[in-house]
Amino acid sequence: MNEQDEKYMQAALKLAQRGIGSVEPNPAVGCVIVKGSQIVGKGWHRKFGAEHAEINALQDCKTLGVSPNGATMYVTLEPCCHYAKTPPCTDAISASKIARVVVATVDPSEHANGRGVDQLRHAGIEVQVGLCQTQARLLNAPFIKFAATGRSWIILKWAQSIDGMLAYAEQSDTQRWISGELSRKEVQKLRKRAQAILVGINTVLADNPLLTARPAKGQKLTRIVLDTYLRIPLKCKLLATAKRVPLLILTSRQTLDNNQQAAAAITRKGAELLVFPDAPGQSNLHFLIDELSKRGVSQLLVEGGPKVISSFLKEGLADEISVYIAPTLLGRQGAVNVAEPLTELNQPVCLYHVDIKRFGDDVCLTGLTRKALDEISVTTQ
């Protein structure tokens, strides 16, 4: 493989990024077809359940009136070889008489994991794997982790002032949000990536949030509340919409037994109560993540307050951290300091492959934990 190969794979990776927020829990995949040093077909996976990147790129060739016979295909993830919502891409690639396929990374899913590559080779197609592999695995880190381990990818997100405050001490129409409008719009993209969003009961009591992705995506985001003592108000927005948008409340067995009328009222509203075992030494969060993983939640977005954030970090559950920092020092006008519970961490949490972006005057810092890199098998930068 040479510089030209890398150039075309970079183009495929750029196309793949267009699918993020629309294809989950599927991976975001890009594809470029090159013939005679010219790109003759481009495609990406546009929407969950729709055609894959390879099929869209082959269709692009047809639209342009160019035969892919003898061409090279660059694709960011191993082509699928099984029937699911769409037929196998390997069959379409073989039928197109593509001569060479360059794959950035293998799909670690049980139904793939090299089988797609093998099928193409058995069809007489030259296949090379590993070009820009780290970029490809980072692009689809949540998918790679879930496919390889069956465990949910966990994103911690919060917005703060420079001095670590998460809220104003006294809220008003002009002092409701720490972050700016552009940052809040960007957070909606995080919600569209995820299959579930989690907050603690204190956030529900303080903010009465709705916790939906706006504008709404096709799949409904499951809302999760950590509520050990069932303090959730019956008239809150979450329960008012529970019959339309899934709501899961994590509580204790003792609370459920002692508050059966309240529990019945909550379930009548449409919420599901998930009861964690009252077992000494057992983590309620690990129990929850086990359950979400079984339910196929590949990405969980945690938007809780300091105690919730601290708990996920202390349990070593975070894969990705995204912090929006507003250019404001709140001082005494601030409330809820994110740093206070973090002093209980036994060791520092370092972030890798850090990305820093500006949204208006806000700065967003995003990075992956060491645990996450191990799970998707990439190195630090």
Protein backbone atom coordinates (compact mmCIF):
# COMPACT_ATOMS: atom_id res chain seq x y z
CA MET A 1 0.00 0.00 0.00
CA ASN A 2 1.21 3.50 -0.85
CA GLU A 3 0.46 7.20 -0.40
CA GLN A 4 -2.33 7.06 -2.98
CA ASP A 5 -4.01 4.26 -1.05
CA GLU A 6 -3.88 6.33 2.12
CA LYS A 7 -5.29 9.37 0.32
CA TYR A 8 -8.32 7.42 -0.86
CA MET A 9 -8.85 5.79 2.53
CA GLN A 10 -8.78 9.23 4.16
CA ALA A 11 -11.51 10.25 1.72
CA ALA A 12 -13.54 7.20 2.76
CA LEU A 13 -13.09 8.04 6.45
CA LYS A 14 -14.30 11.58 5.81
CA LEU A 15 -17.41 10.21 4.11
CA ALA A 16 -18.03 7.83 7.03
CA GLN A 17 -18.21 10.74 9.48
CA ARG A 18 -21.35 11.98 7.73
CA GLY A 19 -23.30 9.04 9.11
CA ILE A 20 -22.58 9.67 12.80
CA GLY A 21 -25.81 10.46 14.61
CA SER A 22 -27.98 8.76 11.96
CA VAL A 23 -26.77 5.17 11.70
CA GLU A 24 -26.38 4.07 15.32
CA PRO A 25 -26.29 1.40 16.65
CA ASN A 26 -24.80 0.47 13.26
CA PRO A 27 -21.27 1.66 12.45
CA ALA A 28 -20.54 4.73 10.37
CA VAL A 29 -18.87 3.49 7.18
CA GLY A 30 -17.46 5.25 4.12
CA CYS A 31 -16.47 3.83 0.74
CA VAL A 32 -14.56 5.13 -2.29
CA ILE A 33 -14.13 3.30 -5.61
CA VAL A 34 -11.10 4.23 -7.74
CA LYS A 35 -10.41 3.32 -11.37
CA GLY A 36 -7.56 4.67 -13.43
CA SER A 37 -6.47 7.04 -10.63
CA GLN A 38 -9.95 8.60 -10.64
CA ILE A 39 -12.69 8.33 -8.01
CA VAL A 40 -15.64 6.83 -9.87
CA GLY A 41 -17.90 6.07 -6.92
CA LYS A 42 -18.48 7.39 -3.40
CA GLY A 43 -20.87 6.30 -0.69
CA TRP A 44 -21.50 6.17 3.02
CA HIS A 45 -23.98 4.51 5.34
CA ARG A 46 -26.58 7.27 5.63
CA LYS A 47 -29.26 5.90 7.95
CA PHE A 48 -29.91 2.92 10.23
CA GLY A 49 -31.53 0.17 8.17
CA ALA A 50 -30.62 1.77 4.84
CA GLU A 51 -28.10 0.62 2.23
CA HIS A 52 -24.50 0.23 3.33
CA ALA A 53 -21.64 2.40 2.12
CA GLU A 54 -20.39 -0.14 -0.42
CA ILE A 55 -23.81 -0.43 -2.09
CA ASN A 56 -24.16 3.35 -2.28
CA ALA A 57 -20.69 3.64 -3.83
CA LEU A 58 -21.50 0.98 -6.44
CA GLN A 59 -24.76 2.78 -7.21
CA ASP A 60 -22.77 6.00 -7.62
CA CYS A 61 -20.64 4.26 -10.27
CA LYS A 62 -23.83 3.24 -12.09
CA THR A 63 -25.20 6.78 -11.90
CA LEU A 64 -21.97 8.12 -13.40
CA GLY A 65 -22.08 5.46 -16.11
CA VAL A 66 -18.74 3.91 -15.09
CA SER A 67 -18.22 0.16 -14.70
CA PRO A 68 -16.45 -0.84 -11.44
CA ASN A 69 -14.92 -3.83 -13.26
CA GLY A 70 -11.22 -3.95 -12.34
CA ALA A 71 -11.45 -1.01 -9.89
CA THR A 72 -10.17 -0.72 -6.30
CA MET A 73 -12.61 -0.23 -3.44
CA TYR A 74 -11.53 1.53 -0.23
CA VAL A 75 -13.87 0.85 2.70
CA THR A 76 -13.47 1.84 6.35
CA LEU A 77 -14.94 -1.37 7.81
CA GLU A 78 -14.96 -4.99 6.67
CA PRO A 79 -17.90 -5.54 4.24
CA CYS A 80 -20.75 -7.55 5.72
CA CYS A 81 -21.28 -11.13 4.57
CA HIS A 82 -24.63 -11.92 6.22
CA TYR A 83 -28.29 -11.16 5.65
CA ALA A 84 -29.74 -8.59 8.06
CA LYS A 85 -31.75 -5.48 7.17
CA THR A 86 -29.88 -5.52 3.84
CA PRO A 87 -28.29 -8.31 1.74
CA PRO A 88 -24.55 -9.10 2.09
CA CYS A 89 -22.25 -6.44 0.65
CA THR A 90 -19.71 -9.14 -0.23
CA ASP A 91 -22.12 -10.58 -2.83
CA ALA A 92 -22.59 -7.19 -4.49
CA ILE A 93 -18.83 -6.50 -4.50
CA SER A 94 -18.07 -9.89 -6.07
CA ALA A 95 -20.79 -9.41 -8.72
CA SER A 96 -19.40 -5.97 -9.61
CA LYS A 97 -16.03 -7.54 -10.55
CA ILE A 98 -14.08 -5.17 -8.30
CA ALA A 99 -10.45 -6.32 -8.51
CA ARG A 100 -9.09 -5.10 -5.17
CA VAL A 101 -10.58 -4.13 -1.81
CA VAL A 102 -8.65 -2.17 0.82
CA VAL A 103 -10.24 -2.46 4.28
CA ALA A 104 -9.30 -0.17 7.18
CA THR A 105 -10.33 -2.55 9.96
CA VAL A 106 -12.05 -5.88 10.52
CA ASP A 107 -15.55 -5.91 12.01
CA PRO A 108 -15.23 -7.81 15.34
CA SER A 109 -18.91 -8.82 15.37
CA GLU A 110 -19.62 -12.52 15.77
CA HIS A 111 -21.16 -12.75 12.30
CA ALA A 112 -18.14 -11.02 10.71
CA ASN A 113 -14.67 -11.00 12.29
CA GLY A 114 -12.80 -11.73 9.05
CA ARG A 115 -15.52 -13.76 7.32
CA GLY A 116 -16.29 -10.94 4.90
CA VAL A 117 -12.61 -10.63 4.00
CA ASP A 118 -12.37 -14.40 3.48
CA GLN A 119 -15.41 -14.45 1.21
CA LEU A 120 -13.95 -11.74 -1.01
CA ARG A 121 -10.63 -13.56 -1.24
CA HIS A 122 -12.39 -16.81 -2.12
CA ALA A 123 -14.11 -14.89 -4.93
CA GLY A 124 -10.66 -14.07 -6.35
CA ILE A 125 -10.53 -10.47 -5.13
CA GLU A 126 -7.30 -9.09 -3.71
CA VAL A 127 -7.96 -7.84 -0.17
CA GLN A 128 -5.66 -5.80 2.05
CA VAL A 129 -6.54 -4.96 5.67
CA GLY A 130 -5.17 -2.43 8.18
CA LEU A 131 -4.71 0.85 6.32
CA CYS A 132 -5.64 3.74 8.70
CA GLN A 133 -6.86 1.14 11.18
CA THR A 134 -6.51 3.29 14.30
CA GLN A 135 -8.56 6.11 12.76
CA ALA A 136 -11.23 3.66 11.64
CA ARG A 137 -11.51 2.06 15.08
CA LEU A 138 -11.64 5.44 16.83
CA LEU A 139 -14.35 6.61 14.45
CA ASN A 140 -16.54 3.67 15.44
CA ALA A 141 -15.22 3.09 18.94
CA PRO A 142 -18.66 2.46 20.54
CA PHE A 143 -19.57 -0.05 17.83
CA ILE A 144 -16.18 -1.77 18.02
CA LYS A 145 -16.43 -2.14 21.80
CA PHE A 146 -19.98 -3.46 21.78
CA ALA A 147 -19.24 -5.88 18.93
CA ALA A 148 -16.08 -7.18 20.61
CA THR A 149 -17.21 -7.29 24.25
CA GLY A 150 -21.01 -7.00 24.31
CA ARG A 151 -20.66 -4.06 26.72
CA SER A 152 -22.16 -0.57 26.42
CA TRP A 153 -19.94 2.39 25.57
CA ILE A 154 -20.36 5.02 28.29
CA ILE A 155 -20.04 8.75 27.62
CA LEU A 156 -19.86 11.21 30.51
CA LYS A 157 -20.91 14.71 29.50
CA TRP A 158 -21.24 17.91 31.47
CA ALA A 159 -21.10 21.68 31.03
CA GLN A 160 -19.26 23.88 33.52
CA SER A 161 -17.92 27.34 34.18
CA ILE A 162 -14.15 27.87 34.34
CA ASP A 163 -14.30 27.43 38.11
CA GLY A 164 -16.14 24.11 37.83
CA MET A 165 -19.71 25.19 38.57
CA LEU A 166 -22.53 23.25 36.89
CA ALA A 167 -25.35 25.67 37.63
CA TYR A 168 -26.27 29.15 38.80
CA ALA A 169 -27.17 29.47 42.46
CA GLU A 170 -30.31 31.37 41.43
CA GLN A 171 -31.70 30.56 38.01
CA SER A 172 -33.59 32.98 35.80
CA ASP A 173 -34.42 33.33 32.11
CA THR A 174 -30.97 34.84 31.50
CA GLN A 175 -29.14 32.55 33.94
CA ARG A 176 -30.54 29.13 33.12
CA TRP A 177 -27.71 27.59 31.10
CA ILE A 178 -23.99 27.45 31.79
CA SER A 179 -23.13 26.69 28.17
CA GLY A 180 -24.13 28.64 25.06
CA GLU A 181 -26.71 27.82 22.41
CA LEU A 182 -24.20 26.29 19.97
CA SER A 183 -22.90 23.94 22.67
CA ARG A 184 -26.44 22.85 23.52
CA LYS A 185 -27.12 22.09 19.85
CA GLU A 186 -23.95 20.00 19.72
CA VAL A 187 -25.10 18.00 22.75
CA GLN A 188 -28.15 16.94 20.74
CA LYS A 189 -25.74 15.16 18.38
CA LEU A 190 -24.42 13.18 21.34
CA ARG A 191 -27.98 12.21 22.21
CA LYS A 192 -28.61 11.06 18.65
CA ARG A 193 -25.60 8.75 18.84
CA ALA A 194 -26.85 7.09 22.02
CA GLN A 195 -29.58 4.54 22.65
CA ALA A 196 -30.02 5.61 26.29
CA ILE A 197 -29.45 8.71 28.42
CA LEU A 198 -28.99 8.71 32.21
CA VAL A 199 -29.36 11.25 35.00
CA GLY A 200 -29.62 11.09 38.78
CA ILE A 201 -32.78 11.93 40.69
CA ASN A 202 -31.28 15.26 41.86
CA THR A 203 -31.15 16.44 38.24
CA VAL A 204 -34.82 15.50 37.80
CA LEU A 205 -35.81 17.38 40.96
CA ALA A 206 -33.78 20.47 40.08
CA ASP A 207 -34.38 20.77 36.32
CA ASN A 208 -37.47 18.67 35.45
CA PRO A 209 -35.82 17.66 32.14
CA LEU A 210 -37.43 15.90 29.19
CA LEU A 211 -34.21 14.11 28.07
CA THR A 212 -35.07 13.61 24.41
CA ALA A 213 -33.03 14.12 21.25
CA ARG A 214 -34.12 17.19 19.28
CA PRO A 215 -35.13 16.98 16.55
CA ALA A 216 -36.35 13.48 17.34
CA LYS A 217 -34.59 10.62 15.57
CA GLY A 218 -36.23 7.45 14.31
CA GLN A 219 -35.31 5.30 17.30
CA LYS A 220 -36.51 6.46 20.69
CA LEU A 221 -33.90 7.26 23.31
CA THR A 222 -34.46 5.33 26.56
CA ARG A 223 -34.37 7.74 29.54
CA ILE A 224 -32.85 6.34 32.75
CA VAL A 225 -33.09 7.81 36.25
CA LEU A 226 -31.05 6.65 39.24
CA ASP A 227 -33.66 6.89 41.98
CA THR A 228 -32.88 4.62 44.94
CA TYR A 229 -35.72 5.98 47.12
CA LEU A 230 -38.36 6.63 44.41
CA ARG A 231 -38.43 10.39 44.86
CA ILE A 232 -39.41 11.08 41.25
CA PRO A 233 -42.41 13.49 41.14
CA LEU A 234 -45.52 11.98 39.53
CA LYS A 235 -46.12 15.22 37.61
CA CYS A 236 -42.60 15.56 36.13
CA LYS A 237 -42.03 15.70 32.37
CA LEU A 238 -40.35 12.30 32.30
CA LEU A 239 -43.38 10.49 33.68
CA ALA A 240 -45.77 12.63 31.62
CA THR A 241 -44.14 11.27 28.45
CA ALA A 242 -43.27 7.75 29.66
CA LYS A 243 -45.93 6.07 27.50
CA ARG A 244 -44.43 7.65 24.37
CA VAL A 245 -40.71 7.60 25.19
CA PRO A 246 -39.20 4.74 27.25
CA LEU A 247 -38.37 5.56 30.88
CA LEU A 248 -36.37 3.23 33.13
CA ILE A 249 -36.02 3.96 36.84
CA LEU A 250 -33.33 2.18 38.85
CA THR A 251 -34.37 1.69 42.46
CA SER A 252 -33.75 -0.66 45.40
CA ARG A 253 -35.66 -3.75 46.46
CA GLN A 254 -36.21 -2.35 49.94
CA THR A 255 -37.66 0.88 48.54
CA LEU A 256 -39.97 -1.05 46.24
CA ASP A 257 -41.22 -3.25 49.08
CA ASN A 258 -41.82 -0.26 51.36
CA ASN A 259 -43.46 1.98 48.74
CA GLN A 260 -45.69 -0.27 46.69
CA GLN A 261 -48.37 2.37 46.11
CA ALA A 262 -45.85 4.88 44.78
CA ALA A 263 -44.29 2.18 42.60
CA ALA A 264 -47.71 1.24 41.20
CA ALA A 265 -48.44 4.89 40.40
CA ILE A 266 -45.13 5.22 38.58
CA THR A 267 -45.66 2.09 36.50
CA ARG A 268 -49.20 3.19 35.62
CA LYS A 269 -47.60 6.29 34.09
CA GLY A 270 -45.70 3.95 31.75
CA ALA A 271 -42.27 3.79 33.40
CA GLU A 272 -40.36 0.57 34.00
CA LEU A 273 -38.86 -0.05 37.43
CA LEU A 274 -35.54 -1.88 37.43
CA VAL A 275 -34.69 -3.20 40.89
CA PHE A 276 -31.06 -3.66 41.85
CA PRO A 277 -30.20 -6.42 44.33
CA ASP A 278 -29.50 -5.29 47.89
CA ALA A 279 -26.25 -7.24 48.01
CA PRO A 280 -23.28 -6.03 50.10
CA GLY A 281 -20.33 -5.03 47.95
CA GLN A 282 -22.25 -5.18 44.67
CA SER A 283 -22.20 -2.07 42.50
CA ASN A 284 -25.59 -0.80 41.41
CA LEU A 285 -24.00 0.83 38.36
CA HIS A 286 -22.34 -2.40 37.24
CA PHE A 287 -25.71 -4.13 37.63
CA LEU A 288 -27.32 -1.44 35.47
CA ILE A 289 -24.67 -1.60 32.75
CA ASP A 290 -24.96 -5.40 32.66
CA GLU A 291 -28.71 -5.01 32.10
CA LEU A 292 -28.35 -2.30 29.44
CA SER A 293 -25.74 -4.35 27.60
CA LYS A 294 -28.13 -7.31 27.51
CA ARG A 295 -30.79 -5.02 26.08
CA GLY A 296 -28.53 -3.99 23.22
CA VAL A 297 -27.70 -0.46 24.38
CA SER A 298 -24.39 0.11 22.61
CA GLN A 299 -24.03 3.75 23.76
CA LEU A 300 -25.12 5.28 27.06
CA LEU A 301 -24.91 9.05 27.56
CA VAL A 302 -24.55 10.11 31.19
CA GLU A 303 -25.67 13.70 31.87
CA GLY A 304 -25.88 13.54 35.66
CA GLY A 305 -24.56 15.87 38.32
CA PRO A 306 -21.29 15.63 40.26
CA LYS A 307 -22.24 12.59 42.35
CA VAL A 308 -23.32 10.59 39.31
CA ILE A 309 -20.23 11.62 37.33
CA SER A 310 -17.98 10.77 40.26
CA SER A 311 -19.64 7.37 40.74
CA PHE A 312 -19.07 6.35 37.12
CA LEU A 313 -15.44 7.46 37.32
CA LYS A 314 -14.79 5.71 40.65
CA GLU A 315 -16.28 2.49 39.28
CA GLY A 316 -14.02 2.75 36.21
CA LEU A 317 -16.99 2.67 33.84
CA ALA A 318 -16.33 5.74 31.66
CA ASP A 319 -15.12 5.27 28.08
CA GLU A 320 -15.47 8.80 26.77
CA ILE A 321 -15.61 12.16 28.54
CA SER A 322 -16.94 15.33 26.96
CA VAL A 323 -16.72 18.60 28.91
CA TYR A 324 -18.17 21.90 27.69
CA ILE A 325 -16.43 24.86 29.36
CA ALA A 326 -18.03 28.30 29.30
CA PRO A 327 -15.74 31.37 29.55
CA THR A 328 -17.25 32.38 32.89
CA LEU A 329 -16.12 32.49 36.50
CA LEU A 330 -19.27 32.20 38.61
CA GLY A 331 -17.76 32.43 42.09
CA ARG A 332 -20.51 32.81 44.70
CA GLN A 333 -23.17 32.96 42.00
CA GLY A 334 -22.36 29.37 41.09
CA ALA A 335 -23.74 26.16 42.56
CA VAL A 336 -22.94 22.46 42.31
CA ASN A 337 -19.16 22.22 41.96
CA VAL A 338 -18.14 19.25 39.83
CA ALA A 339 -14.73 19.04 41.51
CA GLU A 340 -15.89 18.31 45.07
CA PRO A 341 -16.87 14.64 44.70
CA LEU A 342 -13.99 14.04 42.29
CA THR A 343 -11.55 14.46 45.19
CA GLU A 344 -12.64 10.95 46.22
CA LEU A 345 -11.03 9.39 43.12
CA ASN A 346 -8.22 7.04 44.08
CA GLN A 347 -6.20 7.77 40.95
CA PRO A 348 -6.23 10.31 38.13
CA VAL A 349 -8.28 9.70 34.99
CA CYS A 350 -6.19 10.52 31.93
CA LEU A 351 -7.73 11.16 28.51
CA TYR A 352 -6.24 10.18 25.16
CA HIS A 353 -6.89 11.09 21.52
CA VAL A 354 -8.18 14.39 22.85
CA ASP A 355 -10.22 16.62 20.57
CA ILE A 356 -10.76 20.31 21.37
CA LYS A 357 -13.45 22.31 19.55
CA ARG A 358 -15.04 25.72 19.93
CA PHE A 359 -18.79 26.32 19.86
CA GLY A 360 -19.23 30.05 19.96
CA ASP A 361 -17.26 31.19 23.01
CA ASP A 362 -17.44 27.75 24.67
CA VAL A 363 -14.67 25.17 24.45
CA CYS A 364 -15.45 21.45 24.33
CA LEU A 365 -12.78 18.95 25.35
CA THR A 366 -13.42 15.30 24.45
CA GLY A 367 -11.19 12.31 25.04
CA LEU A 368 -11.13 8.56 25.64
CA THR A 369 -10.05 6.76 28.80
CA ARG A 370 -7.28 4.19 28.96
CA LYS A 371 -9.92 1.51 29.54
CA ALA A 372 -11.67 2.47 26.29
CA LEU A 373 -8.48 2.25 24.25
CA ASP A 374 -7.81 -1.23 25.62
CA GLU A 375 -11.32 -2.34 24.71
CA ILE A 376 -11.02 -1.18 21.10
CA SER A 377 -7.35 -2.20 20.84
CA VAL A 378 -5.72 1.09 19.88
CA THR A 379 -2.74 2.87 21.39
CA THR A 380 -2.45 6.30 22.96
CA GLN A 381 -1.43 9.36 20.97
